[in-house]
Amino acid sequence: MALKFGARNAIKGKVTSVQSDQIMSLAKFEVTGTFEMASVLTTESVQAMQLKPGDTVELLIKAIHVLPIKE
């Protein structure tokens, strides 16, 4: 069963960098050419998704949050 997300805006992005410490991580994404977005998420989430530079993800934008989804 696929999960549904409450975010209304979703775009594709490519991971350009991931910086992690014990608790939090910062992931940066390239979208539509040279435009860049960033997301702060738990390091546990980064590890669970095995998120790394070069991965293609879907970015869900909801309020002030950018949520990366790796399928």
PDB file of N, CA and C in Angstrom:
ATOM      1  N   MET A   1       0.848  -1.178   0.000  1.00  0.00           N
ATOM      2  CA  MET A   1       0.000   0.000   0.000  1.00  0.00           C
ATOM      3  C   MET A   1       0.888   1.234   0.000  1.00  0.00           C
ATOM      4  N   ALA A   2       0.708   2.093  -0.979  1.00  0.00           N
ATOM      5  CA  ALA A   2       1.486   3.325  -1.066  1.00  0.00           C
ATOM      6  C   ALA A   2       0.922   4.367  -0.110  1.00  0.00           C
ATOM      7  N   LEU A   3       1.820   5.104   0.539  1.00  0.00           N
ATOM      8  CA  LEU A   3       1.393   6.185   1.423  1.00  0.00           C
ATOM      9  C   LEU A   3       1.010   7.398   0.604  1.00  0.00           C
ATOM     10  N   LYS A   4       0.016   8.132   1.063  1.00  0.00           N
ATOM     11  CA  LYS A   4      -0.354   9.387   0.420  1.00  0.00           C
ATOM     12  C   LYS A   4       0.194  10.523   1.253  1.00  0.00           C
ATOM     13  N   PHE A   5       0.594  11.592   0.594  1.00  0.00           N
ATOM     14  CA  PHE A   5       1.176  12.745   1.263  1.00  0.00           C
ATOM     15  C   PHE A   5       0.214  13.914   1.189  1.00  0.00           C
ATOM     16  N   GLY A   6       0.208  14.740   2.241  1.00  0.00           N
ATOM     17  CA  GLY A   6      -0.689  15.877   2.305  1.00  0.00           C
ATOM     18  C   GLY A   6      -0.181  17.105   1.573  1.00  0.00           C
ATOM     19  N   ALA A   7       1.046  17.077   1.095  1.00  0.00           N
ATOM     20  CA  ALA A   7       1.605  18.235   0.401  1.00  0.00           C
ATOM     21  C   ALA A   7       0.958  18.385  -0.973  1.00  0.00           C
ATOM     22  N   ARG A   8       0.742  19.601  -1.392  1.00  0.00           N
ATOM     23  CA  ARG A   8       0.086  19.850  -2.676  1.00  0.00           C
ATOM     24  C   ARG A   8       1.078  20.068  -3.807  1.00  0.00           C
ATOM     25  N   ASN A   9       2.293  20.458  -3.509  1.00  0.00           N
ATOM     26  CA  ASN A   9       3.275  20.757  -4.532  1.00  0.00           C
ATOM     27  C   ASN A   9       4.401  19.729  -4.482  1.00  0.00           C
ATOM     28  N   ALA A  10       4.729  19.144  -5.628  1.00  0.00           N
ATOM     29  CA  ALA A  10       5.792  18.155  -5.708  1.00  0.00           C
ATOM     30  C   ALA A  10       6.584  18.376  -6.985  1.00  0.00           C
ATOM     31  N   ILE A  11       7.914  18.349  -6.879  1.00  0.00           N
ATOM     32  CA  ILE A  11       8.787  18.492  -8.041  1.00  0.00           C
ATOM     33  C   ILE A  11       9.922  17.489  -7.921  1.00  0.00           C
ATOM     34  N   LYS A  12      10.506  17.135  -9.055  1.00  0.00           N
ATOM     35  CA  LYS A  12      11.653  16.225  -9.065  1.00  0.00           C
ATOM     36  C   LYS A  12      12.912  17.025  -8.780  1.00  0.00           C
ATOM     37  N   GLY A  13      13.867  16.398  -8.082  1.00  0.00           N
ATOM     38  CA  GLY A  13      15.143  17.041  -7.788  1.00  0.00           C
ATOM     39  C   GLY A  13      16.258  16.015  -7.742  1.00  0.00           C
ATOM     40  N   LYS A  14      17.492  16.486  -7.892  1.00  0.00           N
ATOM     41  CA  LYS A  14      18.667  15.628  -7.811  1.00  0.00           C
ATOM     42  C   LYS A  14      19.473  16.060  -6.592  1.00  0.00           C
ATOM     43  N   VAL A  15      19.845  15.092  -5.760  1.00  0.00           N
ATOM     44  CA  VAL A  15      20.624  15.395  -4.555  1.00  0.00           C
ATOM     45  C   VAL A  15      22.010  15.879  -4.976  1.00  0.00           C
ATOM     46  N   THR A  16      22.408  17.069  -4.485  1.00  0.00           N
ATOM     47  CA  THR A  16      23.739  17.598  -4.798  1.00  0.00           C
ATOM     48  C   THR A  16      24.700  17.446  -3.627  1.00  0.00           C
ATOM     49  N   SER A  17      24.167  17.410  -2.393  1.00  0.00           N
ATOM     50  CA  SER A  17      25.034  17.204  -1.231  1.00  0.00           C
ATOM     51  C   SER A  17      24.204  16.797  -0.025  1.00  0.00           C
ATOM     52  N   VAL A  18      24.866  16.083   0.894  1.00  0.00           N
ATOM     53  CA  VAL A  18      24.248  15.704   2.168  1.00  0.00           C
ATOM     54  C   VAL A  18      25.295  15.915   3.250  1.00  0.00           C
ATOM     55  N   GLN A  19      24.975  16.728   4.258  1.00  0.00           N
ATOM     56  CA  GLN A  19      25.853  16.947   5.402  1.00  0.00           C
ATOM     57  C   GLN A  19      25.129  16.433   6.638  1.00  0.00           C
ATOM     58  N   SER A  20      25.760  15.497   7.363  1.00  0.00           N
ATOM     59  CA  SER A  20      25.098  14.878   8.511  1.00  0.00           C
ATOM     60  C   SER A  20      25.936  14.992   9.767  1.00  0.00           C
ATOM     61  N   ASP A  21      25.243  15.139  10.915  1.00  0.00           N
ATOM     62  CA  ASP A  21      25.877  14.931  12.212  1.00  0.00           C
ATOM     63  C   ASP A  21      25.064  13.841  12.904  1.00  0.00           C
ATOM     64  N   GLN A  22      25.166  13.688  14.198  1.00  0.00           N
ATOM     65  CA  GLN A  22      24.475  12.593  14.875  1.00  0.00           C
ATOM     66  C   GLN A  22      22.959  12.672  14.799  1.00  0.00           C
ATOM     67  N   ILE A  23      22.406  13.881  14.867  1.00  0.00           N
ATOM     68  CA  ILE A  23      20.956  14.036  14.966  1.00  0.00           C
ATOM     69  C   ILE A  23      20.310  14.576  13.690  1.00  0.00           C
ATOM     70  N   MET A  24      20.850  15.651  13.111  1.00  0.00           N
ATOM     71  CA  MET A  24      20.232  16.317  11.970  1.00  0.00           C
ATOM     72  C   MET A  24      21.140  16.282  10.755  1.00  0.00           C
ATOM     73  N   SER A  25      20.504  16.409   9.577  1.00  0.00           N
ATOM     74  CA  SER A  25      21.223  16.437   8.311  1.00  0.00           C
ATOM     75  C   SER A  25      20.676  17.565   7.448  1.00  0.00           C
ATOM     76  N   LEU A  26      21.532  18.069   6.540  1.00  0.00           N
ATOM     77  CA  LEU A  26      21.132  19.065   5.555  1.00  0.00           C
ATOM     78  C   LEU A  26      21.356  18.450   4.189  1.00  0.00           C
ATOM     79  N   ALA A  27      20.284  18.335   3.415  1.00  0.00           N
ATOM     80  CA  ALA A  27      20.380  17.810   2.051  1.00  0.00           C
ATOM     81  C   ALA A  27      20.057  18.948   1.091  1.00  0.00           C
ATOM     82  N   LYS A  28      20.853  19.069   0.020  1.00  0.00           N
ATOM     83  CA  LYS A  28      20.607  20.082  -0.999  1.00  0.00           C
ATOM     84  C   LYS A  28      20.263  19.380  -2.307  1.00  0.00           C
ATOM     85  N   PHE A  29      19.367  20.021  -3.077  1.00  0.00           N
ATOM     86  CA  PHE A  29      18.830  19.430  -4.289  1.00  0.00           C
ATOM     87  C   PHE A  29      18.877  20.422  -5.437  1.00  0.00           C
ATOM     88  N   GLU A  30      19.209  19.937  -6.636  1.00  0.00           N
ATOM     89  CA  GLU A  30      19.133  20.749  -7.844  1.00  0.00           C
ATOM     90  C   GLU A  30      17.791  20.464  -8.497  1.00  0.00           C
ATOM     91  N   VAL A  31      17.057  21.523  -8.802  1.00  0.00           N
ATOM     92  CA  VAL A  31      15.771  21.377  -9.478  1.00  0.00           C
ATOM     93  C   VAL A  31      15.720  22.326 -10.657  1.00  0.00           C
ATOM     94  N   THR A  32      15.051  21.922 -11.726  1.00  0.00           N
ATOM     95  CA  THR A  32      14.897  22.723 -12.948  1.00  0.00           C
ATOM     96  C   THR A  32      16.178  23.464 -13.334  1.00  0.00           C
ATOM     97  N   GLY A  33      17.220  22.718 -13.624  1.00  0.00           N
ATOM     98  CA  GLY A  33      18.465  23.308 -14.087  1.00  0.00           C
ATOM     99  C   GLY A  33      19.347  23.789 -12.962  1.00  0.00           C
ATOM    100  N   THR A  34      19.436  25.104 -12.774  1.00  0.00           N
ATOM    101  CA  THR A  34      20.364  25.656 -11.790  1.00  0.00           C
ATOM    102  C   THR A  34      19.693  26.088 -10.492  1.00  0.00           C
ATOM    103  N   PHE A  35      18.398  25.922 -10.372  1.00  0.00           N
ATOM    104  CA  PHE A  35      17.675  26.281  -9.161  1.00  0.00           C
ATOM    105  C   PHE A  35      17.975  25.252  -8.077  1.00  0.00           C
ATOM    106  N   GLU A  36      18.207  25.711  -6.826  1.00  0.00           N
ATOM    107  CA  GLU A  36      18.542  24.794  -5.750  1.00  0.00           C
ATOM    108  C   GLU A  36      17.600  24.980  -4.564  1.00  0.00           C
ATOM    109  N   MET A  37      17.245  23.866  -3.913  1.00  0.00           N
ATOM    110  CA  MET A  37      16.454  23.875  -2.690  1.00  0.00           C
ATOM    111  C   MET A  37      17.215  23.077  -1.649  1.00  0.00           C
ATOM    112  N   ALA A  38      16.854  23.241  -0.379  1.00  0.00           N
ATOM    113  CA  ALA A  38      17.508  22.499   0.699  1.00  0.00           C
ATOM    114  C   ALA A  38      16.450  22.012   1.686  1.00  0.00           C
ATOM    115  N   SER A  39      16.799  20.944   2.411  1.00  0.00           N
ATOM    116  CA  SER A  39      15.905  20.375   3.416  1.00  0.00           C
ATOM    117  C   SER A  39      16.716  19.988   4.636  1.00  0.00           C
ATOM    118  N   VAL A  40      16.229  20.337   5.809  1.00  0.00           N
ATOM    119  CA  VAL A  40      16.830  19.891   7.060  1.00  0.00           C
ATOM    120  C   VAL A  40      15.957  18.750   7.566  1.00  0.00           C
ATOM    121  N   LEU A  41      16.560  17.587   7.778  1.00  0.00           N
ATOM    122  CA  LEU A  41      15.818  16.419   8.225  1.00  0.00           C
ATOM    123  C   LEU A  41      16.680  15.612   9.173  1.00  0.00           C
ATOM    124  N   THR A  42      16.102  14.662   9.844  1.00  0.00           N
ATOM    125  CA  THR A  42      16.881  13.877  10.794  1.00  0.00           C
ATOM    126  C   THR A  42      17.888  13.005  10.047  1.00  0.00           C
ATOM    127  N   THR A  43      19.025  12.782  10.673  1.00  0.00           N
ATOM    128  CA  THR A  43      20.042  11.903  10.107  1.00  0.00           C
ATOM    129  C   THR A  43      19.483  10.492   9.973  1.00  0.00           C
ATOM    130  N   GLU A  44      18.618  10.080  10.888  1.00  0.00           N
ATOM    131  CA  GLU A  44      17.982   8.774  10.803  1.00  0.00           C
ATOM    132  C   GLU A  44      17.197   8.638   9.491  1.00  0.00           C
ATOM    133  N   SER A  45      16.511   9.693   9.076  1.00  0.00           N
ATOM    134  CA  SER A  45      15.771   9.668   7.814  1.00  0.00           C
ATOM    135  C   SER A  45      16.713   9.567   6.616  1.00  0.00           C
ATOM    136  N   VAL A  46      17.812  10.325   6.653  1.00  0.00           N
ATOM    137  CA  VAL A  46      18.810  10.266   5.581  1.00  0.00           C
ATOM    138  C   VAL A  46      19.360   8.846   5.450  1.00  0.00           C
ATOM    139  N   GLN A  47      19.670   8.229   6.582  1.00  0.00           N
ATOM    140  CA  GLN A  47      20.200   6.874   6.571  1.00  0.00           C
ATOM    141  C   GLN A  47      19.157   5.868   6.100  1.00  0.00           C
ATOM    142  N   ALA A  48      17.908   6.016   6.520  1.00  0.00           N
ATOM    143  CA  ALA A  48      16.843   5.095   6.125  1.00  0.00           C
ATOM    144  C   ALA A  48      16.607   5.134   4.613  1.00  0.00           C
ATOM    145  N   MET A  49      16.710   6.333   4.015  1.00  0.00           N
ATOM    146  CA  MET A  49      16.535   6.477   2.568  1.00  0.00           C
ATOM    147  C   MET A  49      17.820   6.190   1.805  1.00  0.00           C
ATOM    148  N   GLN A  50      18.927   6.063   2.539  1.00  0.00           N
ATOM    149  CA  GLN A  50      20.245   5.930   1.922  1.00  0.00           C
ATOM    150  C   GLN A  50      20.461   7.073   0.926  1.00  0.00           C
ATOM    151  N   LEU A  51      20.136   8.280   1.376  1.00  0.00           N
ATOM    152  CA  LEU A  51      20.195   9.473   0.539  1.00  0.00           C
ATOM    153  C   LEU A  51      21.644   9.874   0.307  1.00  0.00           C
ATOM    154  N   LYS A  52      22.008  10.069  -0.966  1.00  0.00           N
ATOM    155  CA  LYS A  52      23.381  10.446  -1.289  1.00  0.00           C
ATOM    156  C   LYS A  52      23.389  11.308  -2.549  1.00  0.00           C
ATOM    157  N   PRO A  53      24.460  12.105  -2.748  1.00  0.00           N
ATOM    158  CA  PRO A  53      24.550  12.930  -3.956  1.00  0.00           C
ATOM    159  C   PRO A  53      24.386  12.076  -5.213  1.00  0.00           C
ATOM    160  N   GLY A  54      23.623  12.605  -6.162  1.00  0.00           N
ATOM    161  CA  GLY A  54      23.358  11.917  -7.414  1.00  0.00           C
ATOM    162  C   GLY A  54      22.008  11.221  -7.442  1.00  0.00           C
ATOM    163  N   ASP A  55      21.396  10.977  -6.277  1.00  0.00           N
ATOM    164  CA  ASP A  55      20.069  10.353  -6.221  1.00  0.00           C
ATOM    165  C   ASP A  55      19.020  11.302  -6.784  1.00  0.00           C
ATOM    166  N   THR A  56      18.026  10.750  -7.457  1.00  0.00           N
ATOM    167  CA  THR A  56      16.876  11.527  -7.905  1.00  0.00           C
ATOM    168  C   THR A  56      15.750  11.296  -6.913  1.00  0.00           C
ATOM    169  N   VAL A  57      15.145  12.383  -6.457  1.00  0.00           N
ATOM    170  CA  VAL A  57      14.076  12.303  -5.462  1.00  0.00           C
ATOM    171  C   VAL A  57      12.918  13.194  -5.890  1.00  0.00           C
ATOM    172  N   GLU A  58      11.784  12.993  -5.262  1.00  0.00           N
ATOM    173  CA  GLU A  58      10.656  13.894  -5.420  1.00  0.00           C
ATOM    174  C   GLU A  58      10.639  14.790  -4.191  1.00  0.00           C
ATOM    175  N   LEU A  59      10.540  16.092  -4.395  1.00  0.00           N
ATOM    176  CA  LEU A  59      10.502  17.046  -3.285  1.00  0.00           C
ATOM    177  C   LEU A  59       9.054  17.482  -3.082  1.00  0.00           C
ATOM    178  N   LEU A  60       8.541  17.249  -1.886  1.00  0.00           N
ATOM    179  CA  LEU A  60       7.187  17.680  -1.546  1.00  0.00           C
ATOM    180  C   LEU A  60       7.293  18.966  -0.743  1.00  0.00           C
ATOM    181  N   ILE A  61       6.613  19.996  -1.205  1.00  0.00           N
ATOM    182  CA  ILE A  61       6.675  21.296  -0.540  1.00  0.00           C
ATOM    183  C   ILE A  61       5.363  21.520   0.194  1.00  0.00           C
ATOM    184  N   LYS A  62       5.459  21.687   1.517  1.00  0.00           N
ATOM    185  CA  LYS A  62       4.281  21.913   2.344  1.00  0.00           C
ATOM    186  C   LYS A  62       4.640  22.985   3.364  1.00  0.00           C
ATOM    187  N   ALA A  63       3.945  24.087   3.322  1.00  0.00           N
ATOM    188  CA  ALA A  63       4.222  25.220   4.217  1.00  0.00           C
ATOM    189  C   ALA A  63       5.693  25.605   4.092  1.00  0.00           C
ATOM    190  N   ILE A  64       6.441  25.550   5.192  1.00  0.00           N
ATOM    191  CA  ILE A  64       7.850  25.937   5.146  1.00  0.00           C
ATOM    192  C   ILE A  64       8.778  24.740   4.989  1.00  0.00           C
ATOM    193  N   HIS A  65       8.217  23.534   4.820  1.00  0.00           N
ATOM    194  CA  HIS A  65       9.029  22.329   4.789  1.00  0.00           C
ATOM    195  C   HIS A  65       9.219  21.793   3.376  1.00  0.00           C
ATOM    196  N   VAL A  66      10.412  21.268   3.090  1.00  0.00           N
ATOM    197  CA  VAL A  66      10.700  20.545   1.861  1.00  0.00           C
ATOM    198  C   VAL A  66      10.989  19.115   2.270  1.00  0.00           C
ATOM    199  N   LEU A  67      10.153  18.172   1.829  1.00  0.00           N
ATOM    200  CA  LEU A  67      10.254  16.787   2.240  1.00  0.00           C
ATOM    201  C   LEU A  67      10.769  15.923   1.087  1.00  0.00           C
ATOM    202  N   PRO A  68      11.989  15.375   1.154  1.00  0.00           N
ATOM    203  CA  PRO A  68      12.480  14.526   0.071  1.00  0.00           C
ATOM    204  C   PRO A  68      11.870  13.121   0.153  1.00  0.00           C
ATOM    205  N   ILE A  69      11.448  12.590  -0.975  1.00  0.00           N
ATOM    206  CA  ILE A  69      10.882  11.248  -1.060  1.00  0.00           C
ATOM    207  C   ILE A  69      11.695  10.459  -2.072  1.00  0.00           C
ATOM    208  N   LYS A  70      12.297   9.356  -1.649  1.00  0.00           N
ATOM    209  CA  LYS A  70      13.092   8.515  -2.544  1.00  0.00           C
ATOM    210  C   LYS A  70      12.319   7.227  -2.782  1.00  0.00           C
ATOM    211  N   GLU A  71      12.034   6.930  -4.056  1.00  0.00           N
ATOM    212  CA  GLU A  71      11.280   5.715  -4.374  1.00  0.00           C
ATOM    213  C   GLU A  71      12.185   4.656  -4.947  1.00  0.00           C
TER     214      GLU A  71
END
